[in-house]
Amino acid sequence: MNKSENEAVAQKQNWVDAIIREVTSVLERVPPSEVFQTAQRLQEARRIFVVGEGRSGLMAKSFAMRLMHLGATVYVVGETITPAIQAEDTLLAVSGSGHTEAVVATAAKAKRLGCFVLALTTDADSELAKSADMIVRVPAATKYRQSGESPSIQPLGSLFDQSVHLLLDAICLCYAQWTHEDNSSALQRHRNL
């Protein structure tokens, strides 16, 4: 195809609608009770630690920032100012496949230390899931395209990452409602330097 043919094809396809349909098909399969239970667990946690690698790690980091804005004591595993995790703490681990070595190892260590481990993954039988006290299964396509995952036109784990981002935002809304946080109170914790 030449450039004008490519442009004509691109204009016919509404990529934004396609992505929204894919994300909706994933999130409709996550029970609302799991949003509630996850927010409840995080609200009960003394401190929250998050971990993930690659784009899943970026989703985890953005979630940590949202929780900080909502008044939670939250840390990102691997950052220089992250303290030692302790038995009263909760670890939220994000891995599409559930087999990301660094995430699996972190979850297993947190479990050995007596922490509550919460996993967001597509695979409820994965190595990550084996260390988890609670699993939120996000049935989105990952880079491995395994059975049970929603199909996707997007490359790699884009659908998983997008779905996790919105799911974690829903968890934040539930958390904020219980902790009586809103835009005004969150704004007081927003970066000002």
N, C-alpha and C. Protein backbone atom coordinates (compact mmCIF):
# COMPACT_ATOMS: atom_id res chain seq x y z
N MET A 1 0.83 -1.19 0.00
CA MET A 1 0.00 0.00 0.00
C MET A 1 0.87 1.24 0.00
N ASN A 2 0.40 2.25 -0.70
CA ASN A 2 1.11 3.52 -0.66
C ASN A 2 0.59 4.36 0.50
N LYS A 3 1.18 5.52 0.66
CA LYS A 3 0.84 6.37 1.81
C LYS A 3 -0.64 6.75 1.83
N SER A 4 -1.21 7.14 0.71
CA SER A 4 -2.62 7.56 0.70
C SER A 4 -3.55 6.38 0.98
N GLU A 5 -3.18 5.18 0.52
CA GLU A 5 -4.00 3.99 0.83
C GLU A 5 -3.94 3.67 2.32
N ASN A 6 -2.75 3.81 2.91
CA ASN A 6 -2.61 3.59 4.35
C ASN A 6 -3.46 4.58 5.14
N GLU A 7 -3.44 5.83 4.72
CA GLU A 7 -4.23 6.86 5.40
C GLU A 7 -5.73 6.56 5.29
N ALA A 8 -6.17 6.10 4.13
CA ALA A 8 -7.58 5.77 3.93
C ALA A 8 -8.01 4.62 4.83
N VAL A 9 -7.17 3.60 4.94
CA VAL A 9 -7.48 2.45 5.81
C VAL A 9 -7.52 2.90 7.26
N ALA A 10 -6.54 3.70 7.67
CA ALA A 10 -6.48 4.17 9.05
C ALA A 10 -7.69 5.01 9.42
N GLN A 11 -8.17 5.80 8.49
CA GLN A 11 -9.33 6.65 8.77
C GLN A 11 -10.61 5.84 8.89
N LYS A 12 -10.70 4.70 8.22
CA LYS A 12 -11.89 3.86 8.30
C LYS A 12 -11.97 3.14 9.65
N GLN A 13 -10.83 2.82 10.19
CA GLN A 13 -10.79 2.08 11.46
C GLN A 13 -10.80 3.08 12.61
N ASN A 14 -11.73 2.93 13.54
CA ASN A 14 -11.75 3.78 14.72
C ASN A 14 -11.01 3.02 15.83
N TRP A 15 -9.71 3.30 15.94
CA TRP A 15 -8.86 2.57 16.87
C TRP A 15 -9.27 2.81 18.32
N VAL A 16 -9.70 4.00 18.64
CA VAL A 16 -10.11 4.30 20.01
C VAL A 16 -11.31 3.44 20.38
N ASP A 17 -12.31 3.36 19.50
CA ASP A 17 -13.47 2.50 19.78
C ASP A 17 -13.07 1.04 19.93
N ALA A 18 -12.14 0.60 19.12
CA ALA A 18 -11.69 -0.80 19.20
C ALA A 18 -11.05 -1.08 20.57
N ILE A 19 -10.22 -0.17 21.03
CA ILE A 19 -9.56 -0.35 22.33
C ILE A 19 -10.59 -0.31 23.46
N ILE A 20 -11.53 0.62 23.39
CA ILE A 20 -12.56 0.71 24.43
C ILE A 20 -13.38 -0.57 24.48
N ARG A 21 -13.72 -1.12 23.32
CA ARG A 21 -14.47 -2.38 23.30
C ARG A 21 -13.68 -3.51 23.95
N GLU A 22 -12.39 -3.57 23.65
CA GLU A 22 -11.55 -4.62 24.23
C GLU A 22 -11.47 -4.48 25.75
N VAL A 23 -11.20 -3.28 26.22
CA VAL A 23 -11.07 -3.06 27.67
C VAL A 23 -12.40 -3.37 28.36
N THR A 24 -13.49 -2.93 27.77
CA THR A 24 -14.81 -3.20 28.35
C THR A 24 -15.07 -4.70 28.45
N SER A 25 -14.69 -5.44 27.41
CA SER A 25 -14.91 -6.90 27.43
C SER A 25 -14.12 -7.58 28.54
N VAL A 26 -12.98 -7.02 28.91
CA VAL A 26 -12.18 -7.57 30.01
C VAL A 26 -12.80 -7.19 31.36
N LEU A 27 -13.06 -5.90 31.55
CA LEU A 27 -13.52 -5.43 32.86
C LEU A 27 -14.90 -5.95 33.22
N GLU A 28 -15.72 -6.25 32.22
CA GLU A 28 -17.03 -6.85 32.49
C GLU A 28 -16.90 -8.24 33.12
N ARG A 29 -15.75 -8.85 32.95
CA ARG A 29 -15.53 -10.20 33.49
C ARG A 29 -14.89 -10.20 34.88
N VAL A 30 -14.58 -9.01 35.40
CA VAL A 30 -14.03 -8.90 36.76
C VAL A 30 -15.20 -8.59 37.70
N PRO A 31 -15.49 -9.49 38.64
CA PRO A 31 -16.62 -9.26 39.54
C PRO A 31 -16.45 -7.97 40.36
N PRO A 32 -17.49 -7.14 40.46
CA PRO A 32 -17.40 -5.92 41.27
C PRO A 32 -17.00 -6.21 42.72
N SER A 33 -17.33 -7.39 43.22
CA SER A 33 -16.95 -7.75 44.59
C SER A 33 -15.44 -7.76 44.77
N GLU A 34 -14.69 -8.04 43.70
CA GLU A 34 -13.23 -8.06 43.80
C GLU A 34 -12.67 -6.65 43.95
N VAL A 35 -13.31 -5.67 43.34
CA VAL A 35 -12.92 -4.27 43.54
C VAL A 35 -13.14 -3.91 45.00
N PHE A 36 -14.31 -4.23 45.52
CA PHE A 36 -14.68 -3.96 46.90
C PHE A 36 -13.69 -4.63 47.86
N GLN A 37 -13.44 -5.93 47.67
CA GLN A 37 -12.57 -6.69 48.58
C GLN A 37 -11.14 -6.17 48.55
N THR A 38 -10.66 -5.79 47.36
CA THR A 38 -9.30 -5.27 47.25
C THR A 38 -9.19 -3.92 47.97
N ALA A 39 -10.14 -3.04 47.74
CA ALA A 39 -10.12 -1.74 48.42
C ALA A 39 -10.20 -1.92 49.93
N GLN A 40 -11.03 -2.86 50.36
CA GLN A 40 -11.16 -3.12 51.80
C GLN A 40 -9.84 -3.60 52.38
N ARG A 41 -9.19 -4.52 51.69
CA ARG A 41 -7.91 -5.05 52.17
C ARG A 41 -6.87 -3.93 52.26
N LEU A 42 -6.83 -3.08 51.26
CA LEU A 42 -5.86 -1.99 51.25
C LEU A 42 -6.16 -0.96 52.34
N GLN A 43 -7.43 -0.74 52.60
CA GLN A 43 -7.81 0.21 53.65
C GLN A 43 -7.40 -0.32 55.03
N GLU A 44 -7.40 -1.63 55.19
CA GLU A 44 -7.03 -2.26 56.47
C GLU A 44 -5.52 -2.38 56.65
N ALA A 45 -4.76 -2.24 55.57
CA ALA A 45 -3.31 -2.43 55.62
C ALA A 45 -2.63 -1.30 56.38
N ARG A 46 -1.62 -1.65 57.15
CA ARG A 46 -0.82 -0.64 57.83
C ARG A 46 -0.03 0.15 56.80
N ARG A 47 0.65 -0.58 55.92
CA ARG A 47 1.40 0.03 54.81
C ARG A 47 1.17 -0.83 53.57
N ILE A 48 1.24 -0.19 52.41
CA ILE A 48 1.03 -0.88 51.14
C ILE A 48 2.30 -0.76 50.31
N PHE A 49 2.73 -1.88 49.75
CA PHE A 49 3.87 -1.92 48.84
C PHE A 49 3.36 -2.42 47.50
N VAL A 50 3.86 -1.87 46.41
CA VAL A 50 3.46 -2.32 45.08
C VAL A 50 4.70 -2.75 44.30
N VAL A 51 4.49 -3.74 43.42
CA VAL A 51 5.59 -4.22 42.59
C VAL A 51 5.05 -4.66 41.24
N GLY A 52 5.85 -4.46 40.22
CA GLY A 52 5.55 -4.90 38.87
C GLY A 52 6.76 -4.57 38.01
N GLU A 53 6.86 -5.19 36.86
CA GLU A 53 7.96 -4.93 35.94
C GLU A 53 7.41 -4.37 34.65
N GLY A 54 8.22 -3.61 33.92
CA GLY A 54 7.81 -3.09 32.62
C GLY A 54 6.57 -2.21 32.73
N ARG A 55 5.66 -2.37 31.74
CA ARG A 55 4.45 -1.56 31.75
C ARG A 55 3.54 -1.91 32.92
N SER A 56 3.53 -3.16 33.34
CA SER A 56 2.76 -3.53 34.54
C SER A 56 3.31 -2.80 35.76
N GLY A 57 4.62 -2.63 35.80
CA GLY A 57 5.24 -1.87 36.88
C GLY A 57 4.84 -0.41 36.85
N LEU A 58 4.70 0.13 35.65
CA LEU A 58 4.24 1.53 35.54
C LEU A 58 2.80 1.66 36.04
N MET A 59 1.96 0.66 35.77
CA MET A 59 0.58 0.69 36.28
C MET A 59 0.60 0.63 37.81
N ALA A 60 1.48 -0.21 38.37
CA ALA A 60 1.60 -0.32 39.82
C ALA A 60 2.07 1.01 40.42
N LYS A 61 3.04 1.64 39.78
CA LYS A 61 3.55 2.92 40.28
C LYS A 61 2.48 4.01 40.23
N SER A 62 1.71 4.03 39.16
CA SER A 62 0.67 5.06 39.08
C SER A 62 -0.39 4.82 40.15
N PHE A 63 -0.66 3.55 40.46
CA PHE A 63 -1.60 3.21 41.53
C PHE A 63 -1.05 3.68 42.88
N ALA A 64 0.24 3.46 43.10
CA ALA A 64 0.86 3.91 44.35
C ALA A 64 0.71 5.43 44.51
N MET A 65 0.91 6.16 43.41
CA MET A 65 0.77 7.61 43.47
C MET A 65 -0.67 8.00 43.82
N ARG A 66 -1.65 7.33 43.20
CA ARG A 66 -3.05 7.63 43.51
C ARG A 66 -3.36 7.35 44.98
N LEU A 67 -2.86 6.23 45.48
CA LEU A 67 -3.09 5.90 46.90
C LEU A 67 -2.45 6.92 47.82
N MET A 68 -1.25 7.39 47.47
CA MET A 68 -0.60 8.42 48.28
C MET A 68 -1.46 9.68 48.30
N HIS A 69 -2.03 10.05 47.15
CA HIS A 69 -2.90 11.22 47.10
C HIS A 69 -4.13 11.02 47.99
N LEU A 70 -4.53 9.77 48.17
CA LEU A 70 -5.70 9.46 49.00
C LEU A 70 -5.34 9.24 50.46
N GLY A 71 -4.08 9.48 50.82
CA GLY A 71 -3.67 9.43 52.22
C GLY A 71 -3.09 8.11 52.69
N ALA A 72 -2.91 7.14 51.81
CA ALA A 72 -2.34 5.85 52.21
C ALA A 72 -0.83 5.97 52.39
N THR A 73 -0.30 5.12 53.24
CA THR A 73 1.15 4.98 53.35
C THR A 73 1.54 3.90 52.36
N VAL A 74 2.19 4.28 51.28
CA VAL A 74 2.43 3.37 50.17
C VAL A 74 3.83 3.55 49.62
N TYR A 75 4.43 2.42 49.21
CA TYR A 75 5.79 2.42 48.68
C TYR A 75 5.86 1.58 47.42
N VAL A 76 6.83 1.92 46.56
CA VAL A 76 7.11 1.14 45.36
C VAL A 76 8.37 0.32 45.62
N VAL A 77 8.25 -0.99 45.48
CA VAL A 77 9.39 -1.88 45.68
C VAL A 77 10.49 -1.52 44.69
N GLY A 78 11.71 -1.39 45.19
CA GLY A 78 12.86 -1.10 44.34
C GLY A 78 13.29 0.35 44.34
N GLU A 79 12.44 1.25 44.86
CA GLU A 79 12.83 2.66 44.93
C GLU A 79 13.82 2.84 46.10
N THR A 80 14.65 3.85 46.02
CA THR A 80 15.71 4.02 47.02
C THR A 80 15.19 4.36 48.41
N ILE A 81 13.99 4.94 48.51
CA ILE A 81 13.48 5.32 49.84
C ILE A 81 12.45 4.32 50.38
N THR A 82 12.32 3.18 49.74
CA THR A 82 11.37 2.17 50.20
C THR A 82 11.93 1.44 51.41
N PRO A 83 11.20 1.44 52.53
CA PRO A 83 11.69 0.77 53.73
C PRO A 83 11.49 -0.74 53.66
N ALA A 84 11.94 -1.42 54.69
CA ALA A 84 11.74 -2.87 54.79
C ALA A 84 10.26 -3.17 54.96
N ILE A 85 9.80 -4.18 54.27
CA ILE A 85 8.41 -4.63 54.41
C ILE A 85 8.32 -5.48 55.68
N GLN A 86 7.17 -5.42 56.35
CA GLN A 86 6.99 -6.15 57.61
C GLN A 86 5.68 -6.93 57.58
N ALA A 87 5.51 -7.81 58.56
CA ALA A 87 4.38 -8.74 58.58
C ALA A 87 3.01 -8.06 58.51
N GLU A 88 2.87 -6.85 59.00
CA GLU A 88 1.56 -6.19 59.00
C GLU A 88 1.26 -5.51 57.66
N ASP A 89 2.19 -5.57 56.73
CA ASP A 89 2.07 -4.85 55.47
C ASP A 89 1.39 -5.70 54.40
N THR A 90 0.93 -5.02 53.35
CA THR A 90 0.30 -5.67 52.20
C THR A 90 1.12 -5.38 50.96
N LEU A 91 1.38 -6.41 50.17
CA LEU A 91 2.06 -6.26 48.88
C LEU A 91 1.05 -6.48 47.77
N LEU A 92 0.95 -5.52 46.86
CA LEU A 92 0.15 -5.68 45.66
C LEU A 92 1.12 -5.91 44.51
N ALA A 93 1.02 -7.10 43.88
CA ALA A 93 1.95 -7.48 42.82
C ALA A 93 1.19 -7.59 41.50
N VAL A 94 1.74 -6.99 40.44
CA VAL A 94 1.09 -6.97 39.14
C VAL A 94 1.97 -7.69 38.12
N SER A 95 1.42 -8.72 37.50
CA SER A 95 2.12 -9.42 36.41
C SER A 95 1.07 -10.07 35.53
N GLY A 96 1.04 -9.70 34.26
CA GLY A 96 0.07 -10.28 33.34
C GLY A 96 0.16 -11.79 33.30
N SER A 97 1.34 -12.31 33.05
CA SER A 97 1.52 -13.76 32.96
C SER A 97 1.50 -14.43 34.32
N GLY A 98 1.90 -13.70 35.35
CA GLY A 98 2.04 -14.29 36.67
C GLY A 98 3.34 -15.06 36.82
N HIS A 99 4.24 -14.90 35.84
CA HIS A 99 5.51 -15.63 35.87
C HIS A 99 6.72 -14.70 35.78
N THR A 100 6.52 -13.39 35.89
CA THR A 100 7.64 -12.44 35.85
C THR A 100 8.53 -12.69 37.06
N GLU A 101 9.78 -13.08 36.80
CA GLU A 101 10.66 -13.57 37.86
C GLU A 101 10.80 -12.63 39.05
N ALA A 102 11.08 -11.36 38.80
CA ALA A 102 11.30 -10.41 39.90
C ALA A 102 10.03 -10.24 40.73
N VAL A 103 8.88 -10.21 40.07
CA VAL A 103 7.60 -10.04 40.78
C VAL A 103 7.27 -11.29 41.59
N VAL A 104 7.47 -12.45 40.99
CA VAL A 104 7.22 -13.72 41.69
C VAL A 104 8.12 -13.85 42.91
N ALA A 105 9.40 -13.53 42.74
CA ALA A 105 10.35 -13.61 43.86
C ALA A 105 9.99 -12.64 44.97
N THR A 106 9.58 -11.43 44.61
CA THR A 106 9.19 -10.43 45.61
C THR A 106 7.95 -10.89 46.38
N ALA A 107 6.97 -11.43 45.67
CA ALA A 107 5.75 -11.91 46.33
C ALA A 107 6.06 -13.08 47.25
N ALA A 108 6.90 -13.99 46.81
CA ALA A 108 7.25 -15.15 47.64
C ALA A 108 7.97 -14.70 48.91
N LYS A 109 8.88 -13.74 48.78
CA LYS A 109 9.60 -13.25 49.96
C LYS A 109 8.64 -12.53 50.91
N ALA A 110 7.77 -11.70 50.37
CA ALA A 110 6.80 -11.00 51.22
C ALA A 110 5.93 -12.00 51.96
N LYS A 111 5.53 -13.06 51.29
CA LYS A 111 4.72 -14.11 51.92
C LYS A 111 5.49 -14.77 53.06
N ARG A 112 6.77 -15.09 52.82
CA ARG A 112 7.60 -15.70 53.87
C ARG A 112 7.75 -14.79 55.07
N LEU A 113 7.71 -13.47 54.83
CA LEU A 113 7.84 -12.49 55.93
C LEU A 113 6.52 -12.26 56.65
N GLY A 114 5.46 -12.92 56.20
CA GLY A 114 4.17 -12.81 56.87
C GLY A 114 3.28 -11.70 56.35
N CYS A 115 3.59 -11.16 55.20
CA CYS A 115 2.77 -10.10 54.61
C CYS A 115 1.56 -10.69 53.89
N PHE A 116 0.54 -9.87 53.73
CA PHE A 116 -0.61 -10.23 52.90
C PHE A 116 -0.23 -9.90 51.46
N VAL A 117 -0.38 -10.87 50.57
CA VAL A 117 0.00 -10.68 49.17
C VAL A 117 -1.25 -10.70 48.29
N LEU A 118 -1.40 -9.63 47.53
CA LEU A 118 -2.51 -9.45 46.61
C LEU A 118 -1.95 -9.47 45.20
N ALA A 119 -2.44 -10.34 44.33
CA ALA A 119 -1.91 -10.46 42.97
C ALA A 119 -2.93 -10.04 41.93
N LEU A 120 -2.51 -9.25 40.96
CA LEU A 120 -3.30 -8.94 39.77
C LEU A 120 -2.62 -9.63 38.60
N THR A 121 -3.30 -10.59 38.00
CA THR A 121 -2.72 -11.41 36.94
C THR A 121 -3.81 -12.00 36.07
N THR A 122 -3.43 -12.50 34.91
CA THR A 122 -4.41 -13.20 34.06
C THR A 122 -4.53 -14.66 34.45
N ASP A 123 -3.52 -15.18 35.14
CA ASP A 123 -3.42 -16.62 35.38
C ASP A 123 -3.54 -16.94 36.86
N ALA A 124 -4.69 -17.44 37.26
CA ALA A 124 -4.95 -17.77 38.67
C ALA A 124 -4.17 -19.00 39.13
N ASP A 125 -3.50 -19.70 38.20
CA ASP A 125 -2.69 -20.86 38.55
C ASP A 125 -1.20 -20.58 38.39
N SER A 126 -0.83 -19.34 38.24
CA SER A 126 0.56 -18.96 37.98
C SER A 126 1.43 -19.05 39.24
N GLU A 127 2.71 -18.88 39.03
CA GLU A 127 3.66 -18.84 40.15
C GLU A 127 3.33 -17.70 41.10
N LEU A 128 2.97 -16.54 40.55
CA LEU A 128 2.59 -15.41 41.40
C LEU A 128 1.36 -15.75 42.23
N ALA A 129 0.39 -16.36 41.62
CA ALA A 129 -0.85 -16.70 42.32
C ALA A 129 -0.59 -17.65 43.49
N LYS A 130 0.41 -18.50 43.36
CA LYS A 130 0.73 -19.46 44.44
C LYS A 130 1.18 -18.76 45.71
N SER A 131 1.75 -17.58 45.60
CA SER A 131 2.19 -16.81 46.77
C SER A 131 1.12 -15.87 47.29
N ALA A 132 0.03 -15.75 46.57
CA ALA A 132 -0.97 -14.74 46.90
C ALA A 132 -2.01 -15.23 47.89
N ASP A 133 -2.41 -14.32 48.77
CA ASP A 133 -3.54 -14.57 49.67
C ASP A 133 -4.84 -14.22 48.97
N MET A 134 -4.75 -13.33 47.99
CA MET A 134 -5.93 -12.89 47.24
C MET A 134 -5.50 -12.63 45.80
N ILE A 135 -6.31 -13.09 44.87
CA ILE A 135 -6.02 -12.93 43.44
C ILE A 135 -7.15 -12.16 42.79
N VAL A 136 -6.80 -11.13 42.03
CA VAL A 136 -7.76 -10.48 41.15
C VAL A 136 -7.35 -10.90 39.75
N ARG A 137 -8.18 -11.73 39.13
CA ARG A 137 -7.87 -12.22 37.78
C ARG A 137 -8.38 -11.21 36.77
N VAL A 138 -7.46 -10.72 35.95
CA VAL A 138 -7.77 -9.76 34.90
C VAL A 138 -7.64 -10.52 33.58
N PRO A 139 -8.75 -10.97 33.00
CA PRO A 139 -8.68 -11.89 31.85
C PRO A 139 -8.38 -11.21 30.51
N ALA A 140 -7.31 -10.44 30.49
CA ALA A 140 -6.93 -9.69 29.28
C ALA A 140 -5.81 -10.41 28.54
N ALA A 141 -5.66 -10.08 27.29
CA ALA A 141 -4.56 -10.63 26.51
C ALA A 141 -3.22 -10.14 27.06
N THR A 142 -2.28 -11.05 27.13
CA THR A 142 -0.90 -10.71 27.47
C THR A 142 -0.05 -11.00 26.24
N LYS A 143 1.25 -10.77 26.37
CA LYS A 143 2.13 -11.03 25.23
C LYS A 143 2.18 -12.51 24.87
N TYR A 144 1.76 -13.39 25.77
CA TYR A 144 1.83 -14.83 25.52
C TYR A 144 0.58 -15.40 24.87
N ARG A 145 -0.54 -14.66 24.88
CA ARG A 145 -1.80 -15.08 24.26
C ARG A 145 -2.18 -16.50 24.68
N GLN A 146 -2.49 -16.65 25.96
CA GLN A 146 -2.85 -17.95 26.52
C GLN A 146 -4.36 -18.15 26.49
N SER A 147 -4.79 -19.37 26.69
CA SER A 147 -6.23 -19.65 26.71
C SER A 147 -6.85 -18.94 27.91
N GLY A 148 -8.09 -18.48 27.73
CA GLY A 148 -8.80 -17.77 28.80
C GLY A 148 -8.60 -16.27 28.76
N GLU A 149 -7.62 -15.81 27.99
CA GLU A 149 -7.40 -14.38 27.85
C GLU A 149 -8.32 -13.83 26.77
N SER A 150 -8.82 -12.62 26.99
CA SER A 150 -9.63 -11.96 25.95
C SER A 150 -8.74 -11.70 24.74
N PRO A 151 -9.26 -11.89 23.54
CA PRO A 151 -8.45 -11.60 22.35
C PRO A 151 -8.20 -10.10 22.22
N SER A 152 -7.14 -9.76 21.48
CA SER A 152 -6.81 -8.35 21.31
C SER A 152 -6.14 -8.11 19.96
N ILE A 153 -6.45 -6.96 19.37
CA ILE A 153 -5.76 -6.52 18.17
C ILE A 153 -4.48 -5.79 18.53
N GLN A 154 -4.31 -5.48 19.82
CA GLN A 154 -3.16 -4.71 20.28
C GLN A 154 -1.97 -5.62 20.54
N PRO A 155 -0.77 -5.11 20.34
CA PRO A 155 0.41 -5.94 20.57
C PRO A 155 0.72 -6.13 22.05
N LEU A 156 1.41 -7.23 22.31
CA LEU A 156 1.96 -7.54 23.63
C LEU A 156 0.90 -7.46 24.72
N GLY A 157 1.21 -6.83 25.85
CA GLY A 157 0.29 -6.79 26.98
C GLY A 157 -0.49 -5.51 27.11
N SER A 158 -0.67 -4.79 26.02
CA SER A 158 -1.37 -3.50 26.09
C SER A 158 -2.74 -3.63 26.73
N LEU A 159 -3.51 -4.63 26.33
CA LEU A 159 -4.86 -4.78 26.87
C LEU A 159 -4.82 -5.06 28.37
N PHE A 160 -3.91 -5.89 28.82
CA PHE A 160 -3.77 -6.15 30.26
C PHE A 160 -3.45 -4.86 31.00
N ASP A 161 -2.47 -4.11 30.51
CA ASP A 161 -2.06 -2.88 31.20
C ASP A 161 -3.18 -1.86 31.26
N GLN A 162 -3.89 -1.68 30.15
CA GLN A 162 -5.01 -0.73 30.13
C GLN A 162 -6.10 -1.16 31.11
N SER A 163 -6.40 -2.44 31.12
CA SER A 163 -7.45 -2.96 32.01
C SER A 163 -7.05 -2.82 33.46
N VAL A 164 -5.80 -3.12 33.77
CA VAL A 164 -5.30 -2.99 35.14
C VAL A 164 -5.37 -1.53 35.58
N HIS A 165 -4.98 -0.62 34.71
CA HIS A 165 -5.01 0.80 35.05
C HIS A 165 -6.42 1.23 35.47
N LEU A 166 -7.42 0.88 34.67
CA LEU A 166 -8.80 1.27 34.99
C LEU A 166 -9.34 0.52 36.21
N LEU A 167 -8.98 -0.74 36.36
CA LEU A 167 -9.41 -1.51 37.52
C LEU A 167 -8.83 -0.91 38.80
N LEU A 168 -7.56 -0.53 38.77
CA LEU A 168 -6.95 0.08 39.95
C LEU A 168 -7.55 1.45 40.24
N ASP A 169 -7.96 2.18 39.21
CA ASP A 169 -8.66 3.45 39.44
C ASP A 169 -10.01 3.21 40.13
N ALA A 170 -10.70 2.14 39.74
CA ALA A 170 -11.97 1.80 40.40
C ALA A 170 -11.73 1.44 41.86
N ILE A 171 -10.66 0.73 42.13
CA ILE A 171 -10.30 0.38 43.51
C ILE A 171 -10.02 1.66 44.30
N CYS A 172 -9.34 2.62 43.67
CA CYS A 172 -9.08 3.91 44.34
C CYS A 172 -10.37 4.64 44.68
N LEU A 173 -11.35 4.62 43.78
CA LEU A 173 -12.62 5.28 44.07
C LEU A 173 -13.31 4.65 45.28
N CYS A 174 -13.29 3.34 45.35
CA CYS A 174 -13.89 2.63 46.49
C CYS A 174 -13.12 2.98 47.77
N TYR A 175 -11.80 2.94 47.69
CA TYR A 175 -10.94 3.27 48.83
C TYR A 175 -11.22 4.70 49.31
N ALA A 176 -11.31 5.64 48.36
CA ALA A 176 -11.55 7.04 48.70
C ALA A 176 -12.89 7.23 49.39
N GLN A 177 -13.88 6.49 48.96
CA GLN A 177 -15.20 6.61 49.58
C GLN A 177 -15.14 6.19 51.04
N TRP A 178 -14.45 5.10 51.32
CA TRP A 178 -14.35 4.62 52.70
C TRP A 178 -13.51 5.52 53.58
N THR A 179 -12.47 6.12 53.01
CA THR A 179 -11.57 6.95 53.81
C THR A 179 -11.97 8.42 53.77
N HIS A 180 -13.11 8.72 53.15
CA HIS A 180 -13.66 10.07 53.08
C HIS A 180 -12.68 11.05 52.42
N GLU A 181 -12.03 10.58 51.37
CA GLU A 181 -11.13 11.42 50.58
C GLU A 181 -11.85 11.85 49.32
N ASP A 182 -11.50 13.02 48.83
CA ASP A 182 -12.08 13.51 47.58
C ASP A 182 -11.03 14.34 46.84
N ASN A 183 -11.43 14.97 45.77
CA ASN A 183 -10.49 15.76 44.98
C ASN A 183 -9.80 16.83 45.83
N SER A 184 -10.55 17.47 46.68
CA SER A 184 -10.00 18.56 47.49
C SER A 184 -8.92 18.06 48.44
N SER A 185 -9.18 16.96 49.14
CA SER A 185 -8.18 16.44 50.07
C SER A 185 -6.99 15.84 49.33
N ALA A 186 -7.25 15.19 48.18
CA ALA A 186 -6.15 14.63 47.39
C ALA A 186 -5.25 15.74 46.85
N LEU A 187 -5.85 16.84 46.48
CA LEU A 187 -5.08 17.96 45.94
C LEU A 187 -4.10 18.49 46.97
N GLN A 188 -4.43 18.38 48.25
CA GLN A 188 -3.52 18.85 49.31
C GLN A 188 -2.24 18.02 49.36
N ARG A 189 -2.29 16.78 48.84
CA ARG A 189 -1.13 15.90 48.84
C ARG A 189 -0.43 15.86 47.49
N HIS A 190 -0.96 16.58 46.53
CA HIS A 190 -0.39 16.60 45.19
C HIS A 190 0.95 17.32 45.22
N ARG A 191 1.86 16.87 44.38
CA ARG A 191 3.19 17.47 44.32
C ARG A 191 3.11 18.98 44.13
N ASN A 192 3.93 19.70 44.88
CA ASN A 192 3.95 21.16 44.74
C ASN A 192 5.35 21.72 44.54
N LEU A 193 6.30 20.84 44.27
CA LEU A 193 7.68 21.27 43.99
C LEU A 193 8.04 20.95 42.56
